[in-house]
PDB file of N, CA and C in Angstrom:
ATOM      1  N   MET A   1      -9.577  -3.285 -13.068  1.00  0.00           N
ATOM      2  CA  MET A   1      -9.136  -3.283 -11.702  1.00  0.00           C
ATOM      3  C   MET A   1      -8.805  -4.779 -11.364  1.00  0.00           C
ATOM      4  N   THR A   2      -7.673  -4.984 -10.708  1.00  0.00           N
ATOM      5  CA  THR A   2      -7.310  -6.355 -10.321  1.00  0.00           C
ATOM      6  C   THR A   2      -8.079  -6.682  -8.987  1.00  0.00           C
ATOM      7  N   PRO A   3      -8.080  -8.140  -8.759  1.00  0.00           N
ATOM      8  CA  PRO A   3      -8.653  -8.501  -7.462  1.00  0.00           C
ATOM      9  C   PRO A   3      -8.093  -7.850  -6.281  1.00  0.00           C
ATOM     10  N   LEU A   4      -6.786  -7.694  -6.244  1.00  0.00           N
ATOM     11  CA  LEU A   4      -6.038  -7.131  -5.163  1.00  0.00           C
ATOM     12  C   LEU A   4      -6.589  -5.679  -5.056  1.00  0.00           C
ATOM     13  N   GLN A   5      -6.514  -4.910  -6.040  1.00  0.00           N
ATOM     14  CA  GLN A   5      -6.963  -3.486  -5.992  1.00  0.00           C
ATOM     15  C   GLN A   5      -8.331  -3.427  -5.478  1.00  0.00           C
ATOM     16  N   ALA A   6      -9.298  -4.295  -5.940  1.00  0.00           N
ATOM     17  CA  ALA A   6     -10.619  -4.351  -5.329  1.00  0.00           C
ATOM     18  C   ALA A   6     -10.731  -4.674  -3.820  1.00  0.00           C
ATOM     19  N   GLU A   7      -9.919  -5.562  -3.392  1.00  0.00           N
ATOM     20  CA  GLU A   7      -9.877  -5.844  -2.001  1.00  0.00           C
ATOM     21  C   GLU A   7      -9.295  -4.651  -1.176  1.00  0.00           C
ATOM     22  N   LEU A   8      -8.050  -4.077  -1.706  1.00  0.00           N
ATOM     23  CA  LEU A   8      -7.570  -2.953  -0.880  1.00  0.00           C
ATOM     24  C   LEU A   8      -8.524  -1.749  -0.940  1.00  0.00           C
ATOM     25  N   GLN A   9      -9.315  -1.530  -1.875  1.00  0.00           N
ATOM     26  CA  GLN A   9     -10.269  -0.458  -1.904  1.00  0.00           C
ATOM     27  C   GLN A   9     -11.413  -0.875  -0.902  1.00  0.00           C
ATOM     28  N   ARG A  10     -11.814  -2.216  -0.885  1.00  0.00           N
ATOM     29  CA  ARG A  10     -12.906  -2.604   0.118  1.00  0.00           C
ATOM     30  C   ARG A  10     -12.353  -2.447   1.596  1.00  0.00           C
ATOM     31  N   ALA A  11     -11.123  -2.869   1.749  1.00  0.00           N
ATOM     32  CA  ALA A  11     -10.523  -2.741   3.088  1.00  0.00           C
ATOM     33  C   ALA A  11     -10.429  -1.218   3.494  1.00  0.00           C
ATOM     34  N   GLY A  12     -10.026  -0.484   2.549  1.00  0.00           N
ATOM     35  CA  GLY A  12      -9.966   0.989   2.851  1.00  0.00           C
ATOM     36  C   GLY A  12     -11.262   1.732   3.170  1.00  0.00           C
ATOM     37  N   GLN A  13     -12.374   1.261   2.461  1.00  0.00           N
ATOM     38  CA  GLN A  13     -13.649   1.774   2.686  1.00  0.00           C
ATOM     39  C   GLN A  13     -14.138   1.271   4.125  1.00  0.00           C
ATOM     40  N   ASP A  14     -13.906   0.034   4.377  1.00  0.00           N
ATOM     41  CA  ASP A  14     -14.357  -0.551   5.693  1.00  0.00           C
ATOM     42  C   ASP A  14     -13.609   0.119   6.884  1.00  0.00           C
ATOM     43  N   LEU A  15     -12.396   0.499   6.727  1.00  0.00           N
ATOM     44  CA  LEU A  15     -11.493   1.055   7.734  1.00  0.00           C
ATOM     45  C   LEU A  15     -11.373   2.584   7.691  1.00  0.00           C
ATOM     46  N   GLY A  16     -11.906   3.193   6.673  1.00  0.00           N
ATOM     47  CA  GLY A  16     -11.820   4.668   6.511  1.00  0.00           C
ATOM     48  C   GLY A  16     -10.487   5.056   6.101  1.00  0.00           C
ATOM     49  N   LEU A  17      -9.808   4.421   5.220  1.00  0.00           N
ATOM     50  CA  LEU A  17      -8.557   4.689   4.868  1.00  0.00           C
ATOM     51  C   LEU A  17      -8.612   5.172   3.303  1.00  0.00           C
ATOM     52  N   GLU A  18      -7.667   6.043   2.966  1.00  0.00           N
ATOM     53  CA  GLU A  18      -7.577   6.573   1.576  1.00  0.00           C
ATOM     54  C   GLU A  18      -6.686   5.507   0.945  1.00  0.00           C
ATOM     55  N   ILE A  19      -7.169   5.145  -0.401  1.00  0.00           N
ATOM     56  CA  ILE A  19      -6.428   4.147  -1.255  1.00  0.00           C
ATOM     57  C   ILE A  19      -6.399   4.975  -2.611  1.00  0.00           C
ATOM     58  N   VAL A  20      -5.198   5.006  -3.083  1.00  0.00           N
ATOM     59  CA  VAL A  20      -5.149   5.458  -4.575  1.00  0.00           C
ATOM     60  C   VAL A  20      -4.741   4.399  -5.556  1.00  0.00           C
ATOM     61  N   VAL A  21      -5.748   3.985  -6.376  1.00  0.00           N
ATOM     62  CA  VAL A  21      -5.588   2.890  -7.315  1.00  0.00           C
ATOM     63  C   VAL A  21      -5.828   3.265  -8.724  1.00  0.00           C
ATOM     64  N   PRO A  22      -4.900   3.026  -9.573  1.00  0.00           N
ATOM     65  CA  PRO A  22      -3.477   2.624  -9.373  1.00  0.00           C
ATOM     66  C   PRO A  22      -2.761   3.826  -9.044  1.00  0.00           C
ATOM     67  N   TYR A  23      -1.356   3.625  -8.828  1.00  0.00           N
ATOM     68  CA  TYR A  23      -0.487   4.849  -8.461  1.00  0.00           C
ATOM     69  C   TYR A  23       0.704   4.715  -9.263  1.00  0.00           C
ATOM     70  N   ASN A  24       1.046   5.917  -9.859  1.00  0.00           N
ATOM     71  CA  ASN A  24       2.164   6.036 -10.821  1.00  0.00           C
ATOM     72  C   ASN A  24       3.093   7.060 -10.098  1.00  0.00           C
ATOM     73  N   LEU A  25       4.464   6.733 -10.174  1.00  0.00           N
ATOM     74  CA  LEU A  25       5.487   7.519  -9.475  1.00  0.00           C
ATOM     75  C   LEU A  25       6.725   7.607 -10.274  1.00  0.00           C
ATOM     76  N   ASP A  26       7.141   8.759 -10.521  1.00  0.00           N
ATOM     77  CA  ASP A  26       8.555   8.913 -11.282  1.00  0.00           C
ATOM     78  C   ASP A  26       9.503   9.207 -10.113  1.00  0.00           C
ATOM     79  N   VAL A  27      10.566   8.298 -10.113  1.00  0.00           N
ATOM     80  CA  VAL A  27      11.571   8.375  -9.202  1.00  0.00           C
ATOM     81  C   VAL A  27      12.944   9.056  -9.867  1.00  0.00           C
ATOM     82  N   PRO A  28      13.685   9.837  -9.240  1.00  0.00           N
ATOM     83  CA  PRO A  28      14.777  10.458  -9.883  1.00  0.00           C
ATOM     84  C   PRO A  28      15.658   9.344 -10.518  1.00  0.00           C
ATOM     85  N   GLY A  29      16.194   9.690 -11.541  1.00  0.00           N
ATOM     86  CA  GLY A  29      16.989   8.807 -12.397  1.00  0.00           C
ATOM     87  C   GLY A  29      16.182   8.129 -13.452  1.00  0.00           C
ATOM     88  N   GLY A  30      15.073   8.698 -13.720  1.00  0.00           N
ATOM     89  CA  GLY A  30      14.135   8.176 -14.889  1.00  0.00           C
ATOM     90  C   GLY A  30      13.474   6.944 -14.685  1.00  0.00           C
ATOM     91  N   VAL A  31      13.278   6.592 -13.445  1.00  0.00           N
ATOM     92  CA  VAL A  31      12.511   5.354 -13.178  1.00  0.00           C
ATOM     93  C   VAL A  31      11.017   5.697 -13.059  1.00  0.00           C
ATOM     94  N   HIS A  32      10.104   4.980 -13.552  1.00  0.00           N
ATOM     95  CA  HIS A  32       8.745   5.096 -13.560  1.00  0.00           C
ATOM     96  C   HIS A  32       8.141   3.994 -12.973  1.00  0.00           C
ATOM     97  N   ILE A  33       7.443   4.049 -11.863  1.00  0.00           N
ATOM     98  CA  ILE A  33       6.975   2.913 -11.093  1.00  0.00           C
ATOM     99  C   ILE A  33       5.388   2.940 -11.276  1.00  0.00           C
ATOM    100  N   HIS A  34       4.906   1.852 -11.882  1.00  0.00           N
ATOM    101  CA  HIS A  34       3.406   1.826 -11.951  1.00  0.00           C
ATOM    102  C   HIS A  34       3.050   0.747 -10.704  1.00  0.00           C
ATOM    103  N   ALA A  35       2.593   1.359  -9.783  1.00  0.00           N
ATOM    104  CA  ALA A  35       2.038   0.547  -8.601  1.00  0.00           C
ATOM    105  C   ALA A  35       0.710   0.129  -8.663  1.00  0.00           C
ATOM    106  N   ILE A  36       0.292  -1.001  -7.957  1.00  0.00           N
ATOM    107  CA  ILE A  36      -1.026  -1.344  -7.764  1.00  0.00           C
ATOM    108  C   ILE A  36      -1.834  -0.365  -6.994  1.00  0.00           C
ATOM    109  N   ALA A  37      -1.188   0.189  -5.905  1.00  0.00           N
ATOM    110  CA  ALA A  37      -1.906   1.181  -5.086  1.00  0.00           C
ATOM    111  C   ALA A  37      -0.985   1.908  -4.206  1.00  0.00           C
ATOM    112  N   LEU A  38      -1.394   2.939  -3.705  1.00  0.00           N
ATOM    113  CA  LEU A  38      -0.688   3.707  -2.619  1.00  0.00           C
ATOM    114  C   LEU A  38      -1.699   3.833  -1.508  1.00  0.00           C
ATOM    115  N   LEU A  39      -1.229   3.588  -0.248  1.00  0.00           N
ATOM    116  CA  LEU A  39      -1.957   3.752   0.890  1.00  0.00           C
ATOM    117  C   LEU A  39      -1.338   4.934   1.663  1.00  0.00           C
ATOM    118  N   PRO A  40      -1.789   6.182   1.479  1.00  0.00           N
ATOM    119  CA  PRO A  40      -0.884   7.294   1.959  1.00  0.00           C
ATOM    120  C   PRO A  40      -0.879   7.384   3.448  1.00  0.00           C
ATOM    121  N   GLN A  41      -1.836   6.808   4.186  1.00  0.00           N
ATOM    122  CA  GLN A  41      -1.772   7.011   5.616  1.00  0.00           C
ATOM    123  C   GLN A  41      -0.915   5.889   6.341  1.00  0.00           C
ATOM    124  N   LEU A  42      -0.517   4.813   5.642  1.00  0.00           N
ATOM    125  CA  LEU A  42       0.080   3.733   6.241  1.00  0.00           C
ATOM    126  C   LEU A  42       1.635   3.710   5.885  1.00  0.00           C
ATOM    127  N   GLY A  43       2.477   3.067   6.790  1.00  0.00           N
ATOM    128  CA  GLY A  43       3.702   2.638   6.555  1.00  0.00           C
ATOM    129  C   GLY A  43       4.850   3.576   6.671  1.00  0.00           C
ATOM    130  N   ALA A  44       4.749   4.810   6.091  1.00  0.00           N
ATOM    131  CA  ALA A  44       5.774   5.769   6.039  1.00  0.00           C
ATOM    132  C   ALA A  44       5.205   7.109   5.890  1.00  0.00           C
ATOM    133  N   GLN A  45       6.097   8.139   5.978  1.00  0.00           N
ATOM    134  CA  GLN A  45       5.559   9.540   5.860  1.00  0.00           C
ATOM    135  C   GLN A  45       4.632   9.852   4.663  1.00  0.00           C
ATOM    136  N   LYS A  46       5.127   9.242   3.550  1.00  0.00           N
ATOM    137  CA  LYS A  46       4.424   9.463   2.270  1.00  0.00           C
ATOM    138  C   LYS A  46       3.478   8.348   1.921  1.00  0.00           C
ATOM    139  N   GLY A  47       3.489   7.251   2.789  1.00  0.00           N
ATOM    140  CA  GLY A  47       2.565   6.171   2.467  1.00  0.00           C
ATOM    141  C   GLY A  47       3.256   4.858   1.971  1.00  0.00           C
ATOM    142  N   MET A  48       2.340   3.889   1.765  1.00  0.00           N
ATOM    143  CA  MET A  48       2.848   2.473   1.453  1.00  0.00           C
ATOM    144  C   MET A  48       2.513   2.309  -0.051  1.00  0.00           C
ATOM    145  N   ILE A  49       3.485   1.917  -0.792  1.00  0.00           N
ATOM    146  CA  ILE A  49       3.243   1.541  -2.223  1.00  0.00           C
ATOM    147  C   ILE A  49       3.104   0.094  -2.326  1.00  0.00           C
ATOM    148  N   ILE A  50       2.141  -0.379  -3.134  1.00  0.00           N
ATOM    149  CA  ILE A  50       2.025  -1.765  -3.331  1.00  0.00           C
ATOM    150  C   ILE A  50       2.244  -2.157  -4.762  1.00  0.00           C
ATOM    151  N   VAL A  51       3.023  -3.147  -4.893  1.00  0.00           N
ATOM    152  CA  VAL A  51       3.413  -3.827  -6.171  1.00  0.00           C
ATOM    153  C   VAL A  51       3.169  -5.300  -6.104  1.00  0.00           C
ATOM    154  N   SER A  52       3.068  -5.939  -7.199  1.00  0.00           N
ATOM    155  CA  SER A  52       2.846  -7.356  -7.328  1.00  0.00           C
ATOM    156  C   SER A  52       4.202  -8.161  -7.348  1.00  0.00           C
ATOM    157  N   HIS A  53       5.285  -7.388  -7.817  1.00  0.00           N
ATOM    158  CA  HIS A  53       6.702  -8.091  -7.979  1.00  0.00           C
ATOM    159  C   HIS A  53       7.651  -7.063  -7.493  1.00  0.00           C
ATOM    160  N   PHE A  54       8.717  -7.633  -6.930  1.00  0.00           N
ATOM    161  CA  PHE A  54       9.701  -6.605  -6.392  1.00  0.00           C
ATOM    162  C   PHE A  54      10.308  -6.049  -7.652  1.00  0.00           C
ATOM    163  N   GLU A  55      10.395  -6.669  -8.695  1.00  0.00           N
ATOM    164  CA  GLU A  55      11.044  -6.196  -9.948  1.00  0.00           C
ATOM    165  C   GLU A  55      10.304  -4.906 -10.416  1.00  0.00           C
ATOM    166  N   ASP A  56       8.950  -4.739 -10.042  1.00  0.00           N
ATOM    167  CA  ASP A  56       8.109  -3.497 -10.434  1.00  0.00           C
ATOM    168  C   ASP A  56       8.676  -2.193  -9.887  1.00  0.00           C
ATOM    169  N   LEU A  57       9.631  -2.449  -8.864  1.00  0.00           N
ATOM    170  CA  LEU A  57      10.213  -1.146  -8.227  1.00  0.00           C
ATOM    171  C   LEU A  57      11.396  -0.726  -9.105  1.00  0.00           C
ATOM    172  N   GLN A  58      11.838  -1.511 -10.103  1.00  0.00           N
ATOM    173  CA  GLN A  58      12.922  -1.119 -11.027  1.00  0.00           C
ATOM    174  C   GLN A  58      14.254  -0.737 -10.386  1.00  0.00           C
ATOM    175  N   GLY A  59      14.613  -1.375  -9.333  1.00  0.00           N
ATOM    176  CA  GLY A  59      15.806  -1.052  -8.715  1.00  0.00           C
ATOM    177  C   GLY A  59      15.766   0.273  -7.824  1.00  0.00           C
ATOM    178  N   ALA A  60      14.565   0.832  -7.580  1.00  0.00           N
ATOM    179  CA  ALA A  60      14.443   2.077  -6.900  1.00  0.00           C
ATOM    180  C   ALA A  60      14.016   1.910  -5.398  1.00  0.00           C
ATOM    181  N   ALA A  61      14.116   0.656  -4.825  1.00  0.00           N
ATOM    182  CA  ALA A  61      13.462   0.337  -3.492  1.00  0.00           C
ATOM    183  C   ALA A  61      14.180   1.355  -2.405  1.00  0.00           C
ATOM    184  N   ILE A  62      15.580   1.505  -2.491  1.00  0.00           N
ATOM    185  CA  ILE A  62      16.237   2.279  -1.624  1.00  0.00           C
ATOM    186  C   ILE A  62      15.824   3.795  -1.904  1.00  0.00           C
ATOM    187  N   GLN A  63      15.708   4.069  -3.016  1.00  0.00           N
ATOM    188  CA  GLN A  63      15.308   5.475  -3.313  1.00  0.00           C
ATOM    189  C   GLN A  63      13.930   5.831  -2.811  1.00  0.00           C
ATOM    190  N   LEU A  64      12.984   4.850  -2.914  1.00  0.00           N
ATOM    191  CA  LEU A  64      11.681   5.083  -2.399  1.00  0.00           C
ATOM    192  C   LEU A  64      11.672   5.213  -0.817  1.00  0.00           C
ATOM    193  N   VAL A  65      12.451   4.476  -0.178  1.00  0.00           N
ATOM    194  CA  VAL A  65      12.538   4.569   1.228  1.00  0.00           C
ATOM    195  C   VAL A  65      13.191   5.973   1.696  1.00  0.00           C
ATOM    196  N   ASP A  66      14.216   6.315   0.928  1.00  0.00           N
ATOM    197  CA  ASP A  66      14.879   7.580   1.188  1.00  0.00           C
ATOM    198  C   ASP A  66      13.906   8.698   0.867  1.00  0.00           C
ATOM    199  N   ASP A  67      13.054   8.503   0.067  1.00  0.00           N
ATOM    200  CA  ASP A  67      12.111   9.755  -0.317  1.00  0.00           C
ATOM    201  C   ASP A  67      10.877   9.713   0.611  1.00  0.00           C
ATOM    202  N   GLY A  68      10.822   8.769   1.547  1.00  0.00           N
ATOM    203  CA  GLY A  68       9.718   8.743   2.505  1.00  0.00           C
ATOM    204  C   GLY A  68       8.489   7.794   2.308  1.00  0.00           C
ATOM    205  N   TYR A  69       8.732   6.850   1.299  1.00  0.00           N
ATOM    206  CA  TYR A  69       7.748   5.846   1.154  1.00  0.00           C
ATOM    207  C   TYR A  69       8.028   4.434   1.762  1.00  0.00           C
ATOM    208  N   GLY A  70       7.136   3.647   2.044  1.00  0.00           N
ATOM    209  CA  GLY A  70       7.272   2.364   2.201  1.00  0.00           C
ATOM    210  C   GLY A  70       6.765   1.447   1.094  1.00  0.00           C
ATOM    211  N   TYR A  71       7.081   0.206   1.092  1.00  0.00           N
ATOM    212  CA  TYR A  71       6.536  -0.599   0.035  1.00  0.00           C
ATOM    213  C   TYR A  71       6.328  -2.000   0.308  1.00  0.00           C
ATOM    214  N   SER A  72       5.383  -2.644  -0.154  1.00  0.00           N
ATOM    215  CA  SER A  72       5.058  -4.010  -0.001  1.00  0.00           C
ATOM    216  C   SER A  72       4.809  -4.790  -1.331  1.00  0.00           C
ATOM    217  N   VAL A  73       5.164  -5.963  -1.464  1.00  0.00           N
ATOM    218  CA  VAL A  73       4.913  -6.796  -2.533  1.00  0.00           C
ATOM    219  C   VAL A  73       3.762  -7.766  -2.140  1.00  0.00           C
ATOM    220  N   LEU A  74       2.650  -7.720  -2.781  1.00  0.00           N
ATOM    221  CA  LEU A  74       1.475  -8.604  -2.493  1.00  0.00           C
ATOM    222  C   LEU A  74       0.963  -9.200  -3.846  1.00  0.00           C
ATOM    223  N   ASP A  75       0.478 -10.471  -3.680  1.00  0.00           N
ATOM    224  CA  ASP A  75      -0.070 -11.206  -4.684  1.00  0.00           C
ATOM    225  C   ASP A  75      -1.520 -10.864  -4.695  1.00  0.00           C
ATOM    226  N   ASP A  76      -2.191 -11.108  -5.936  1.00  0.00           N
ATOM    227  CA  ASP A  76      -3.611 -11.087  -6.076  1.00  0.00           C
ATOM    228  C   ASP A  76      -4.134 -12.199  -5.178  1.00  0.00           C
ATOM    229  N   PRO A  77      -5.415 -12.034  -4.605  1.00  0.00           N
ATOM    230  CA  PRO A  77      -5.960 -13.191  -3.871  1.00  0.00           C
ATOM    231  C   PRO A  77      -6.440 -14.270  -4.935  1.00  0.00           C
ATOM    232  N   SER A  78      -6.474 -15.436  -4.580  1.00  0.00           N
ATOM    233  CA  SER A  78      -6.948 -16.605  -5.582  1.00  0.00           C
ATOM    234  C   SER A  78      -8.509 -16.485  -5.503  1.00  0.00           C
ATOM    235  N   PRO A  79      -9.028 -17.026  -6.572  1.00  0.00           N
ATOM    236  CA  PRO A  79     -10.476 -16.935  -6.703  1.00  0.00           C
ATOM    237  C   PRO A  79     -11.207 -17.635  -5.504  1.00  0.00           C
ATOM    238  N   SER A  80     -10.538 -18.555  -4.907  1.00  0.00           N
ATOM    239  CA  SER A  80     -11.092 -19.247  -3.817  1.00  0.00           C
ATOM    240  C   SER A  80     -10.985 -18.493  -2.386  1.00  0.00           C
ATOM    241  N   ASP A  81     -10.133 -17.478  -2.346  1.00  0.00           N
ATOM    242  CA  ASP A  81     -10.027 -16.685  -1.119  1.00  0.00           C
ATOM    243  C   ASP A  81     -11.255 -15.860  -0.867  1.00  0.00           C
ATOM    244  N   VAL A  82     -11.526 -15.831   0.524  1.00  0.00           N
ATOM    245  CA  VAL A  82     -12.577 -15.047   0.867  1.00  0.00           C
ATOM    246  C   VAL A  82     -12.099 -13.754   1.587  1.00  0.00           C
ATOM    247  N   TYR A  83     -12.693 -12.605   1.260  1.00  0.00           N
ATOM    248  CA  TYR A  83     -12.186 -11.419   1.812  1.00  0.00           C
ATOM    249  C   TYR A  83     -12.175 -11.469   3.400  1.00  0.00           C
ATOM    250  N   ASP A  84     -11.212 -11.115   4.028  1.00  0.00           N
ATOM    251  CA  ASP A  84     -11.032 -11.100   5.516  1.00  0.00           C
ATOM    252  C   ASP A  84     -10.423  -9.930   6.014  1.00  0.00           C
ATOM    253  N   LEU A  85     -11.444  -9.040   6.573  1.00  0.00           N
ATOM    254  CA  LEU A  85     -10.951  -7.783   7.046  1.00  0.00           C
ATOM    255  C   LEU A  85      -9.993  -7.824   8.230  1.00  0.00           C
ATOM    256  N   HIS A  86     -10.098  -8.794   9.081  1.00  0.00           N
ATOM    257  CA  HIS A  86      -9.119  -8.921  10.011  1.00  0.00           C
ATOM    258  C   HIS A  86      -7.623  -9.216   9.590  1.00  0.00           C
ATOM    259  N   SER A  87      -7.664  -9.889   8.538  1.00  0.00           N
ATOM    260  CA  SER A  87      -6.210 -10.077   7.886  1.00  0.00           C
ATOM    261  C   SER A  87      -5.691  -8.771   7.420  1.00  0.00           C
ATOM    262  N   TYR A  88      -6.517  -7.901   6.844  1.00  0.00           N
ATOM    263  CA  TYR A  88      -6.054  -6.511   6.420  1.00  0.00           C
ATOM    264  C   TYR A  88      -5.669  -5.659   7.683  1.00  0.00           C
ATOM    265  N   ILE A  89      -6.428  -5.807   8.582  1.00  0.00           N
ATOM    266  CA  ILE A  89      -6.089  -5.018   9.996  1.00  0.00           C
ATOM    267  C   ILE A  89      -4.763  -5.437  10.506  1.00  0.00           C
ATOM    268  N   ASP A  90      -4.575  -6.681  10.440  1.00  0.00           N
ATOM    269  CA  ASP A  90      -3.339  -7.175  10.968  1.00  0.00           C
ATOM    270  C   ASP A  90      -2.077  -6.688  10.043  1.00  0.00           C
ATOM    271  N   MET A  91      -2.222  -6.728   8.783  1.00  0.00           N
ATOM    272  CA  MET A  91      -1.211  -6.330   7.893  1.00  0.00           C
ATOM    273  C   MET A  91      -1.001  -4.765   7.996  1.00  0.00           C
ATOM    274  N   PHE A  92      -2.145  -4.081   7.949  1.00  0.00           N
ATOM    275  CA  PHE A  92      -1.938  -2.653   8.061  1.00  0.00           C
ATOM    276  C   PHE A  92      -1.324  -2.215   9.406  1.00  0.00           C
ATOM    277  N   SER A  93      -1.730  -2.994  10.328  1.00  0.00           N
ATOM    278  CA  SER A  93      -1.221  -2.580  11.807  1.00  0.00           C
ATOM    279  C   SER A  93       0.429  -2.967  11.775  1.00  0.00           C
ATOM    280  N   GLU A  94       0.861  -3.977  11.121  1.00  0.00           N
ATOM    281  CA  GLU A  94       2.239  -4.295  10.974  1.00  0.00           C
ATOM    282  C   GLU A  94       2.996  -3.137  10.196  1.00  0.00           C
ATOM    283  N   TRP A  95       2.331  -2.665   9.187  1.00  0.00           N
ATOM    284  CA  TRP A  95       2.987  -1.540   8.590  1.00  0.00           C
ATOM    285  C   TRP A  95       3.094  -0.321   9.276  1.00  0.00           C
ATOM    286  N   GLY A  96       2.126  -0.031  10.248  1.00  0.00           N
ATOM    287  CA  GLY A  96       2.196   1.188  11.136  1.00  0.00           C
ATOM    288  C   GLY A  96       1.448   2.341  10.429  1.00  0.00           C
ATOM    289  N   TRP A  97       1.188   3.231  11.389  1.00  0.00           N
ATOM    290  CA  TRP A  97       0.539   4.643  10.934  1.00  0.00           C
ATOM    291  C   TRP A  97       1.457   5.612  10.540  1.00  0.00           C
ATOM    292  N   GLY A  98       1.520   6.038   9.433  1.00  0.00           N
ATOM    293  CA  GLY A  98       2.522   7.038   8.798  1.00  0.00           C
ATOM    294  C   GLY A  98       1.982   8.447   8.680  1.00  0.00           C
ATOM    295  N   ALA A  99       0.569   8.673   8.893  1.00  0.00           N
ATOM    296  CA  ALA A  99       0.018   9.969   8.746  1.00  0.00           C
ATOM    297  C   ALA A  99       0.257  10.664  10.035  1.00  0.00           C
ATOM    298  N   THR A 100       1.247  11.636  10.025  1.00  0.00           N
ATOM    299  CA  THR A 100       1.594  12.298  11.181  1.00  0.00           C
ATOM    300  C   THR A 100       0.519  13.401  11.459  1.00  0.00           C
ATOM    301  N   SER A 101      -0.280  13.709  10.435  1.00  0.00           N
ATOM    302  CA  SER A 101      -1.171  14.889  10.621  1.00  0.00           C
ATOM    303  C   SER A 101      -2.487  14.379  10.999  1.00  0.00           C
ATOM    304  N   GLU A 102      -2.747  13.073  11.185  1.00  0.00           N
ATOM    305  CA  GLU A 102      -3.922  12.405  11.438  1.00  0.00           C
ATOM    306  C   GLU A 102      -3.880  11.516  12.716  1.00  0.00           C
ATOM    307  N   THR A 103      -4.930  11.334  13.478  1.00  0.00           N
ATOM    308  CA  THR A 103      -4.851  10.477  14.595  1.00  0.00           C
ATOM    309  C   THR A 103      -5.011   8.997  14.223  1.00  0.00           C
ATOM    310  N   ARG A 104      -4.156   8.278  14.799  1.00  0.00           N
ATOM    311  CA  ARG A 104      -4.181   6.688  14.575  1.00  0.00           C
ATOM    312  C   ARG A 104      -5.523   6.146  14.824  1.00  0.00           C
ATOM    313  N   PRO A 105      -6.009   5.347  13.921  1.00  0.00           N
ATOM    314  CA  PRO A 105      -7.420   4.863  14.194  1.00  0.00           C
ATOM    315  C   PRO A 105      -7.446   3.890  15.338  1.00  0.00           C
ATOM    316  N   ASP A 106      -8.517   3.674  15.907  1.00  0.00           N
ATOM    317  CA  ASP A 106      -8.699   2.651  17.115  1.00  0.00           C
ATOM    318  C   ASP A 106      -8.531   1.287  16.653  1.00  0.00           C
ATOM    319  N   TRP A 107      -8.788   0.906  15.397  1.00  0.00           N
ATOM    320  CA  TRP A 107      -8.676  -0.479  14.939  1.00  0.00           C
ATOM    321  C   TRP A 107      -7.304  -0.808  14.927  1.00  0.00           C
ATOM    322  N   MET A 108      -6.352   0.141  14.804  1.00  0.00           N
ATOM    323  CA  MET A 108      -4.992  -0.365  14.508  1.00  0.00           C
ATOM    324  C   MET A 108      -4.241  -0.802  15.870  1.00  0.00           C
ATOM    325  N   LYS A 109      -3.781  -2.090  15.735  1.00  0.00           N
ATOM    326  CA  LYS A 109      -3.130  -2.713  16.813  1.00  0.00           C
ATOM    327  C   LYS A 109      -1.762  -2.105  17.321  1.00  0.00           C
TER     328      LYS A 109
END
């Protein structure tokens, strides 16, 4: 597990979010995306896919959005970084609440 995956899981636990680590997705056209994680409740109807490089989307970014996903490119935290839940709250709030069948949590701005 990467440091980013560990932090995403921790933030998910702290905020009551589902996190799928790792997440693999086959996109029409034979593209296989190996993502760091999927946050199914955030960003878009089918959730937010997290990759470490834009190239990891293999040219399928538009297809992902058309299929109901959002995506974000995030770096691993550096070893000197300290876990900051408020930064995750800010980022997740910017992505927005995508789970139409669930009530938006109070922590989301």
